[in-house]
Amino acid sequence: MEESLQREIAYTCAKGDVRIRALCTPDEIKALSFDKQFGSHAHYRSLYTKRTSLEENASQPDANVVLAVAEHSHIVGFGVLNRPQPEDRWSKLDPPNIMEVKAIEVARDWRATGIGDRIVRMLLAHPKVEDLIVYLVGYSWTWDLDGTRKSALQYRRMMIKLFEPYGFKEYETNEPNICLKPENIFMGRVGSNVTADLQNKFKWLRFGIET
């Protein structure tokens, strides 16, 4: 079996040994500790500051919560693939073969070690991934610019570099929140089994038109 299709991969980086686990269950997550760096900083607040947020996502149908676990039980990175919220524009795609990369984060001390790349890889280990359109929304005001010592434009480029190797590309959209700042980004990956009709619906939905 290819590494990208496994539920767990072992990885050794400069900081030590890490296991990247996909499709984690709430019970598995409860048994782990959550790094304190996933919290509030001077100019940045993590998307998820509590382990319970990961548990809640993992309890939902079709969700894929990926964890980077060090020292056997310590979460130092995470990624969340889940359905869009009902109030989001993207939830209106019919049939609803669409999921969102809701979060991807690595604890500050563990960044620049290749963990983020492997989290993305394991997010796409979802069993239905080739039937889905997977998208992500990057809002510049949620990025840890201080922690990464990057400008918003540099951070944007980093996101593109992280996701492009896995089939994601930038898409234009008139979604108001994305259009608020030029640094914001909308990317998507269209699975190999997604029909031309659904791709066309996705194209129009990006501009607020339901077909």
C-alpha atoms as a PDB file:
ATOM      1  CA  MET A   1       0.000   0.000   0.000  1.00  0.00           C
ATOM      2  CA  GLU A   2       1.289   3.466  -0.810  1.00  0.00           C
ATOM      3  CA  GLU A   3       2.264   5.673   2.111  1.00  0.00           C
ATOM      4  CA  SER A   4      -0.387   8.265   1.230  1.00  0.00           C
ATOM      5  CA  LEU A   5      -3.120   5.647   1.666  1.00  0.00           C
ATOM      6  CA  GLN A   6      -2.020   4.413   5.067  1.00  0.00           C
ATOM      7  CA  ARG A   7      -3.758   5.497   8.238  1.00  0.00           C
ATOM      8  CA  GLU A   8      -0.470   6.230  10.000  1.00  0.00           C
ATOM      9  CA  ILE A   9       3.069   7.036   8.905  1.00  0.00           C
ATOM     10  CA  ALA A  10       6.255   7.294  10.961  1.00  0.00           C
ATOM     11  CA  TYR A  11       8.478  10.311  10.421  1.00  0.00           C
ATOM     12  CA  THR A  12      11.780  11.366  11.926  1.00  0.00           C
ATOM     13  CA  CYS A  13      12.563  15.063  11.823  1.00  0.00           C
ATOM     14  CA  ALA A  14      15.146  17.320  13.470  1.00  0.00           C
ATOM     15  CA  LYS A  15      12.995  17.520  16.608  1.00  0.00           C
ATOM     16  CA  GLY A  16      12.526  13.777  17.000  1.00  0.00           C
ATOM     17  CA  ASP A  17      10.205  10.945  16.007  1.00  0.00           C
ATOM     18  CA  VAL A  18       6.635  11.787  15.025  1.00  0.00           C
ATOM     19  CA  ARG A  19       3.698   9.664  13.955  1.00  0.00           C
ATOM     20  CA  ILE A  20       1.197  11.227  11.555  1.00  0.00           C
ATOM     21  CA  ARG A  21      -2.210   9.619  12.146  1.00  0.00           C
ATOM     22  CA  ALA A  22      -5.236  10.019   9.874  1.00  0.00           C
ATOM     23  CA  LEU A  23      -8.923   9.383  10.576  1.00  0.00           C
ATOM     24  CA  CYS A  24      -8.468   9.765  14.329  1.00  0.00           C
ATOM     25  CA  THR A  25     -11.477   8.973  16.512  1.00  0.00           C
ATOM     26  CA  PRO A  26     -12.662  11.062  19.492  1.00  0.00           C
ATOM     27  CA  ASP A  27     -11.512   8.349  21.894  1.00  0.00           C
ATOM     28  CA  GLU A  28      -8.035   8.289  20.356  1.00  0.00           C
ATOM     29  CA  ILE A  29      -7.780  12.069  20.660  1.00  0.00           C
ATOM     30  CA  LYS A  30      -8.921  12.050  24.302  1.00  0.00           C
ATOM     31  CA  ALA A  31      -5.956   9.848  25.202  1.00  0.00           C
ATOM     32  CA  LEU A  32      -3.462  12.452  23.926  1.00  0.00           C
ATOM     33  CA  SER A  33      -2.113  15.724  25.335  1.00  0.00           C
ATOM     34  CA  PHE A  34      -2.418  19.007  23.420  1.00  0.00           C
ATOM     35  CA  ASP A  35       0.654  21.230  23.025  1.00  0.00           C
ATOM     36  CA  LYS A  36       0.334  24.491  24.971  1.00  0.00           C
ATOM     37  CA  GLN A  37       1.525  26.456  21.951  1.00  0.00           C
ATOM     38  CA  PHE A  38      -1.907  25.914  20.416  1.00  0.00           C
ATOM     39  CA  GLY A  39      -3.307  28.912  22.229  1.00  0.00           C
ATOM     40  CA  SER A  40      -3.364  32.701  22.190  1.00  0.00           C
ATOM     41  CA  HIS A  41      -0.247  34.713  21.423  1.00  0.00           C
ATOM     42  CA  ALA A  42       0.350  38.454  21.194  1.00  0.00           C
ATOM     43  CA  HIS A  43      -0.773  38.766  17.567  1.00  0.00           C
ATOM     44  CA  TYR A  44      -2.097  35.303  16.809  1.00  0.00           C
ATOM     45  CA  ARG A  45      -4.622  32.838  18.114  1.00  0.00           C
ATOM     46  CA  SER A  46      -4.662  29.189  17.050  1.00  0.00           C
ATOM     47  CA  LEU A  47      -7.714  28.038  15.132  1.00  0.00           C
ATOM     48  CA  TYR A  48      -8.255  25.367  17.768  1.00  0.00           C
ATOM     49  CA  THR A  49      -7.023  26.141  21.257  1.00  0.00           C
ATOM     50  CA  LYS A  50      -8.548  23.098  22.943  1.00  0.00           C
ATOM     51  CA  ARG A  51      -8.282  19.397  22.247  1.00  0.00           C
ATOM     52  CA  THR A  52     -12.082  19.108  22.526  1.00  0.00           C
ATOM     53  CA  SER A  53     -12.437  20.996  19.219  1.00  0.00           C
ATOM     54  CA  LEU A  54     -10.572  18.183  17.488  1.00  0.00           C
ATOM     55  CA  GLU A  55     -12.730  15.601  19.258  1.00  0.00           C
ATOM     56  CA  GLU A  56     -15.897  17.347  18.055  1.00  0.00           C
ATOM     57  CA  ASN A  57     -14.697  17.351  14.468  1.00  0.00           C
ATOM     58  CA  ALA A  58     -13.661  13.708  14.662  1.00  0.00           C
ATOM     59  CA  SER A  59     -17.158  12.737  15.831  1.00  0.00           C
ATOM     60  CA  GLN A  60     -18.779  14.006  12.619  1.00  0.00           C
ATOM     61  CA  PRO A  61     -19.510  11.737   9.636  1.00  0.00           C
ATOM     62  CA  ASP A  62     -16.823  11.622   6.923  1.00  0.00           C
ATOM     63  CA  ALA A  63     -14.449  13.913   8.853  1.00  0.00           C
ATOM     64  CA  ASN A  64     -10.716  13.278   8.751  1.00  0.00           C
ATOM     65  CA  VAL A  65      -8.766  14.603  11.733  1.00  0.00           C
ATOM     66  CA  VAL A  66      -5.032  14.124  11.237  1.00  0.00           C
ATOM     67  CA  LEU A  67      -2.644  14.412  14.172  1.00  0.00           C
ATOM     68  CA  ALA A  68       1.117  14.701  14.420  1.00  0.00           C
ATOM     69  CA  VAL A  69       1.992  12.884  17.638  1.00  0.00           C
ATOM     70  CA  ALA A  70       5.381  13.075  19.359  1.00  0.00           C
ATOM     71  CA  GLU A  71       6.593  11.175  22.419  1.00  0.00           C
ATOM     72  CA  HIS A  72       3.811   8.616  21.844  1.00  0.00           C
ATOM     73  CA  SER A  73       1.021  10.844  23.183  1.00  0.00           C
ATOM     74  CA  HIS A  74       1.699  14.545  22.575  1.00  0.00           C
ATOM     75  CA  ILE A  75      -0.073  16.420  19.760  1.00  0.00           C
ATOM     76  CA  VAL A  76       2.338  18.819  18.003  1.00  0.00           C
ATOM     77  CA  GLY A  77       0.364  19.297  14.787  1.00  0.00           C
ATOM     78  CA  PHE A  78      -3.087  18.747  13.376  1.00  0.00           C
ATOM     79  CA  GLY A  79      -5.195  18.996  10.257  1.00  0.00           C
ATOM     80  CA  VAL A  80      -8.975  18.868   9.899  1.00  0.00           C
ATOM     81  CA  LEU A  81     -10.964  17.893   6.803  1.00  0.00           C
ATOM     82  CA  ASN A  82     -14.712  18.227   7.281  1.00  0.00           C
ATOM     83  CA  ARG A  83     -17.939  19.263   5.606  1.00  0.00           C
ATOM     84  CA  PRO A  84     -18.596  22.999   5.167  1.00  0.00           C
ATOM     85  CA  GLN A  85     -20.914  24.710   7.626  1.00  0.00           C
ATOM     86  CA  PRO A  86     -24.576  24.891   6.469  1.00  0.00           C
ATOM     87  CA  GLU A  87     -24.364  28.694   6.240  1.00  0.00           C
ATOM     88  CA  ASP A  88     -21.294  28.570   3.971  1.00  0.00           C
ATOM     89  CA  ARG A  89     -21.725  29.104   0.253  1.00  0.00           C
ATOM     90  CA  TRP A  90     -19.927  25.851  -0.522  1.00  0.00           C
ATOM     91  CA  SER A  91     -22.510  23.734   1.319  1.00  0.00           C
ATOM     92  CA  LYS A  92     -24.962  24.546  -1.485  1.00  0.00           C
ATOM     93  CA  LEU A  93     -23.163  22.335  -3.986  1.00  0.00           C
ATOM     94  CA  ASP A  94     -25.568  19.601  -5.127  1.00  0.00           C
ATOM     95  CA  PRO A  95     -24.781  16.755  -4.773  1.00  0.00           C
ATOM     96  CA  PRO A  96     -22.741  17.757  -1.717  1.00  0.00           C
ATOM     97  CA  ASN A  97     -19.491  16.083  -2.775  1.00  0.00           C
ATOM     98  CA  ILE A  98     -17.358  18.778  -1.190  1.00  0.00           C
ATOM     99  CA  MET A  99     -15.187  19.061   1.914  1.00  0.00           C
ATOM    100  CA  GLU A 100     -13.069  21.798   3.455  1.00  0.00           C
ATOM    101  CA  VAL A 101      -9.569  21.790   4.871  1.00  0.00           C
ATOM    102  CA  LYS A 102     -10.734  23.608   7.977  1.00  0.00           C
ATOM    103  CA  ALA A 103      -7.409  23.757   9.765  1.00  0.00           C
ATOM    104  CA  ILE A 104      -3.771  22.836   9.506  1.00  0.00           C
ATOM    105  CA  GLU A 105      -1.343  23.905  12.186  1.00  0.00           C
ATOM    106  CA  VAL A 106       1.988  22.860  13.654  1.00  0.00           C
ATOM    107  CA  ALA A 107       3.206  23.962  17.089  1.00  0.00           C
ATOM    108  CA  ARG A 108       5.738  26.774  16.770  1.00  0.00           C
ATOM    109  CA  ASP A 109       8.687  24.731  18.049  1.00  0.00           C
ATOM    110  CA  TRP A 110       7.983  21.977  15.500  1.00  0.00           C
ATOM    111  CA  ARG A 111       7.644  24.092  12.362  1.00  0.00           C
ATOM    112  CA  ALA A 112       9.943  23.917   9.321  1.00  0.00           C
ATOM    113  CA  THR A 113      10.446  20.185   9.942  1.00  0.00           C
ATOM    114  CA  GLY A 114       8.222  18.773   7.179  1.00  0.00           C
ATOM    115  CA  ILE A 115       5.320  17.910   9.474  1.00  0.00           C
ATOM    116  CA  GLY A 116       2.867  20.226   7.686  1.00  0.00           C
ATOM    117  CA  ASP A 117       3.544  18.558   4.345  1.00  0.00           C
ATOM    118  CA  ARG A 118       2.819  15.132   5.793  1.00  0.00           C
ATOM    119  CA  ILE A 119      -0.365  16.343   7.473  1.00  0.00           C
ATOM    120  CA  VAL A 120      -1.656  17.508   4.075  1.00  0.00           C
ATOM    121  CA  ARG A 121      -0.734  14.137   2.584  1.00  0.00           C
ATOM    122  CA  MET A 122      -2.679  12.294   5.255  1.00  0.00           C
ATOM    123  CA  LEU A 123      -5.682  14.613   5.016  1.00  0.00           C
ATOM    124  CA  LEU A 124      -6.011  13.316   1.475  1.00  0.00           C
ATOM    125  CA  ALA A 125      -5.945   9.724   2.740  1.00  0.00           C
ATOM    126  CA  HIS A 126      -9.723  10.127   3.064  1.00  0.00           C
ATOM    127  CA  PRO A 127     -11.370   7.066   1.461  1.00  0.00           C
ATOM    128  CA  LYS A 128     -13.682   9.220  -0.678  1.00  0.00           C
ATOM    129  CA  VAL A 129     -11.136  11.826  -1.743  1.00  0.00           C
ATOM    130  CA  GLU A 130     -11.338  11.096  -5.486  1.00  0.00           C
ATOM    131  CA  ASP A 131     -15.126  11.574  -5.381  1.00  0.00           C
ATOM    132  CA  LEU A 132     -14.779  14.962  -3.706  1.00  0.00           C
ATOM    133  CA  ILE A 133     -13.932  18.567  -4.356  1.00  0.00           C
ATOM    134  CA  VAL A 134     -11.665  19.564  -1.478  1.00  0.00           C
ATOM    135  CA  TYR A 135     -11.144  23.276  -0.893  1.00  0.00           C
ATOM    136  CA  LEU A 136      -9.397  25.562   1.545  1.00  0.00           C
ATOM    137  CA  VAL A 137      -9.879  29.203   2.437  1.00  0.00           C
ATOM    138  CA  GLY A 138      -6.885  31.178   3.687  1.00  0.00           C
ATOM    139  CA  TYR A 139      -7.679  34.376   5.553  1.00  0.00           C
ATOM    140  CA  SER A 140      -4.566  36.467   6.137  1.00  0.00           C
ATOM    141  CA  TRP A 141      -5.839  37.726   9.507  1.00  0.00           C
ATOM    142  CA  THR A 142      -5.719  34.157  10.874  1.00  0.00           C
ATOM    143  CA  TRP A 143      -2.062  33.533   9.956  1.00  0.00           C
ATOM    144  CA  ASP A 144       0.785  33.419  12.472  1.00  0.00           C
ATOM    145  CA  LEU A 145       2.937  36.052  10.778  1.00  0.00           C
ATOM    146  CA  ASP A 146       4.929  36.775  13.939  1.00  0.00           C
ATOM    147  CA  GLY A 147       5.687  33.128  14.620  1.00  0.00           C
ATOM    148  CA  THR A 148       6.765  32.437  11.040  1.00  0.00           C
ATOM    149  CA  ARG A 149       8.474  35.830  10.561  1.00  0.00           C
ATOM    150  CA  LYS A 150       6.780  36.167   7.200  1.00  0.00           C
ATOM    151  CA  SER A 151       4.763  38.879   5.524  1.00  0.00           C
ATOM    152  CA  ALA A 152       1.207  38.052   4.496  1.00  0.00           C
ATOM    153  CA  LEU A 153       2.358  37.701   0.886  1.00  0.00           C
ATOM    154  CA  GLN A 154       5.174  35.352   1.874  1.00  0.00           C
ATOM    155  CA  TYR A 155       2.777  33.283   3.971  1.00  0.00           C
ATOM    156  CA  ARG A 156       0.397  33.090   1.018  1.00  0.00           C
ATOM    157  CA  ARG A 157       3.203  31.768  -1.176  1.00  0.00           C
ATOM    158  CA  MET A 158       4.074  29.218   1.495  1.00  0.00           C
ATOM    159  CA  MET A 159       0.502  27.909   1.476  1.00  0.00           C
ATOM    160  CA  ILE A 160       0.524  27.556  -2.299  1.00  0.00           C
ATOM    161  CA  LYS A 161       3.837  25.690  -2.136  1.00  0.00           C
ATOM    162  CA  LEU A 162       2.438  23.388   0.549  1.00  0.00           C
ATOM    163  CA  PHE A 163      -0.767  22.420  -1.247  1.00  0.00           C
ATOM    164  CA  GLU A 164       0.086  22.539  -4.964  1.00  0.00           C
ATOM    165  CA  PRO A 165       2.038  19.230  -4.986  1.00  0.00           C
ATOM    166  CA  TYR A 166      -1.164  17.478  -3.877  1.00  0.00           C
ATOM    167  CA  GLY A 167      -3.288  18.685  -6.771  1.00  0.00           C
ATOM    168  CA  PHE A 168      -4.621  21.937  -5.326  1.00  0.00           C
ATOM    169  CA  LYS A 169      -4.737  25.088  -7.409  1.00  0.00           C
ATOM    170  CA  GLU A 170      -5.938  28.633  -6.942  1.00  0.00           C
ATOM    171  CA  TYR A 171      -9.480  29.476  -8.016  1.00  0.00           C
ATOM    172  CA  GLU A 172     -11.088  32.846  -8.472  1.00  0.00           C
ATOM    173  CA  THR A 173     -14.184  33.624  -6.418  1.00  0.00           C
ATOM    174  CA  ASN A 174     -16.280  36.619  -5.425  1.00  0.00           C
ATOM    175  CA  GLU A 175     -16.952  35.275  -1.931  1.00  0.00           C
ATOM    176  CA  PRO A 176     -17.010  38.505   0.133  1.00  0.00           C
ATOM    177  CA  ASN A 177     -14.747  37.441   3.018  1.00  0.00           C
ATOM    178  CA  ILE A 178     -12.095  36.119   0.649  1.00  0.00           C
ATOM    179  CA  CYS A 179     -12.234  39.321  -1.386  1.00  0.00           C
ATOM    180  CA  LEU A 180     -11.653  41.547   1.657  1.00  0.00           C
ATOM    181  CA  LYS A 181      -7.877  41.368   1.282  1.00  0.00           C
ATOM    182  CA  PRO A 182      -5.725  40.558  -1.759  1.00  0.00           C
ATOM    183  CA  GLU A 183      -3.535  38.227   0.317  1.00  0.00           C
ATOM    184  CA  ASN A 184      -6.488  35.929   1.041  1.00  0.00           C
ATOM    185  CA  ILE A 185      -6.570  32.741  -0.971  1.00  0.00           C
ATOM    186  CA  PHE A 186      -9.027  30.119  -2.179  1.00  0.00           C
ATOM    187  CA  MET A 187      -7.644  26.799  -3.401  1.00  0.00           C
ATOM    188  CA  GLY A 188      -9.275  23.568  -4.440  1.00  0.00           C
ATOM    189  CA  ARG A 189      -8.554  20.005  -5.487  1.00  0.00           C
ATOM    190  CA  VAL A 190     -10.962  18.201  -7.821  1.00  0.00           C
ATOM    191  CA  GLY A 191     -11.017  14.429  -7.366  1.00  0.00           C
ATOM    192  CA  SER A 192     -10.481  12.208 -10.400  1.00  0.00           C
ATOM    193  CA  ASN A 193     -14.055  10.820 -10.167  1.00  0.00           C
ATOM    194  CA  VAL A 194     -15.802  14.211  -9.960  1.00  0.00           C
ATOM    195  CA  THR A 195     -18.144  14.583 -12.914  1.00  0.00           C
ATOM    196  CA  ALA A 196     -17.934  17.408 -15.427  1.00  0.00           C
ATOM    197  CA  ASP A 197     -21.427  18.500 -14.356  1.00  0.00           C
ATOM    198  CA  LEU A 198     -20.359  18.874 -10.720  1.00  0.00           C
ATOM    199  CA  GLN A 199     -17.209  20.724 -11.737  1.00  0.00           C
ATOM    200  CA  ASN A 200     -19.371  23.147 -13.701  1.00  0.00           C
ATOM    201  CA  LYS A 201     -21.633  23.686 -10.688  1.00  0.00           C
ATOM    202  CA  PHE A 202     -18.570  24.395  -8.570  1.00  0.00           C
ATOM    203  CA  LYS A 203     -17.371  26.933 -11.125  1.00  0.00           C
ATOM    204  CA  TRP A 204     -20.626  28.898 -10.944  1.00  0.00           C
ATOM    205  CA  LEU A 205     -20.954  28.522  -7.180  1.00  0.00           C
ATOM    206  CA  ARG A 206     -17.602  30.289  -6.754  1.00  0.00           C
ATOM    207  CA  PHE A 207     -19.414  33.361  -8.041  1.00  0.00           C
ATOM    208  CA  GLY A 208     -22.574  32.867  -6.002  1.00  0.00           C
ATOM    209  CA  ILE A 209     -24.643  31.245  -8.748  1.00  0.00           C
ATOM    210  CA  GLU A 210     -26.467  28.021  -7.891  1.00  0.00           C
ATOM    211  CA  THR A 211     -27.270  25.791 -10.875  1.00  0.00           C
END
